[in-house]
Amino acid sequence: MADDLSLSDFTPGEKARLALLTARMAKRGIAGMDVDIRDLQRKAERIEDQARRRKQKP
């Protein structure tokens, strides 16, 4: 998670989606080091970007 965001900056839906993505990344990590998780990382980054944009609005 980005340093400028706290857990309260995310909506409940975003928190759930991030938890699910983290679990999926962990499952792929168990499968081996050669398994690519970049697609899941990009999805998590998009959720963080969405929360960051919402936080910056006046």
Protein backbone atom coordinates (compact mmCIF):
# COMPACT_ATOMS: atom_id res chain seq x y z
CA MET A 1 0.00 0.00 0.00
CA ALA A 2 1.24 3.49 -0.75
CA ASP A 3 2.73 5.56 2.06
CA ASP A 4 0.37 8.50 1.60
CA LEU A 5 -2.76 6.36 2.03
CA SER A 6 -4.20 4.97 5.23
CA LEU A 7 -6.73 2.21 5.60
CA SER A 8 -9.49 4.75 6.24
CA ASP A 9 -8.96 6.22 2.75
CA PHE A 10 -10.39 3.07 1.15
CA THR A 11 -14.07 2.23 0.82
CA PRO A 12 -15.26 -1.10 2.25
CA GLY A 13 -15.53 -2.49 -1.27
CA GLU A 14 -11.97 -1.46 -2.08
CA LYS A 15 -10.72 -3.06 1.13
CA ALA A 16 -12.46 -6.30 0.21
CA ARG A 17 -11.07 -6.25 -3.32
CA LEU A 18 -7.55 -5.57 -2.02
CA ALA A 19 -7.87 -8.46 0.45
CA LEU A 20 -8.99 -10.78 -2.33
CA LEU A 21 -6.16 -9.68 -4.62
CA THR A 22 -3.64 -10.17 -1.80
CA ALA A 23 -4.94 -13.69 -1.21
CA ARG A 24 -4.72 -14.47 -4.92
CA MET A 25 -1.13 -13.16 -5.02
CA ALA A 26 -0.24 -15.34 -2.05
CA LYS A 27 -1.80 -18.39 -3.70
CA ARG A 28 0.21 -17.78 -6.85
CA GLY A 29 3.32 -17.26 -4.75
CA ILE A 30 2.85 -20.70 -3.25
CA ALA A 31 2.75 -22.12 -6.77
CA GLY A 32 6.35 -21.04 -7.34
CA MET A 33 8.70 -18.20 -8.01
CA ASP A 34 8.26 -18.41 -11.77
CA VAL A 35 4.51 -17.59 -11.59
CA ASP A 36 3.72 -14.06 -12.76
CA ILE A 37 1.65 -11.89 -10.38
CA ARG A 38 2.10 -8.57 -12.17
CA ASP A 39 -1.50 -8.53 -13.41
CA LEU A 40 -2.80 -8.72 -9.85
CA GLN A 41 -0.32 -6.06 -8.70
CA ARG A 42 -1.55 -3.70 -11.43
CA LYS A 43 -5.15 -4.23 -10.29
CA ALA A 44 -4.16 -3.41 -6.71
CA GLU A 45 -2.30 -0.30 -7.89
CA ARG A 46 -5.38 0.89 -9.78
CA ILE A 47 -7.46 0.58 -6.61
CA GLU A 48 -4.82 2.56 -4.70
CA ASP A 49 -4.74 5.21 -7.43
CA GLN A 50 -8.52 5.52 -7.25
CA ALA A 51 -8.37 6.07 -3.48
CA ARG A 52 -5.52 8.55 -3.87
CA ARG A 53 -7.48 10.60 -6.45
CA ARG A 54 -10.53 10.61 -4.20
CA LYS A 55 -8.39 11.77 -1.24
CA GLN A 56 -6.90 14.65 -3.23
CA LYS A 57 -10.27 16.10 -4.25
CA PRO A 58 -11.10 19.23 -2.25
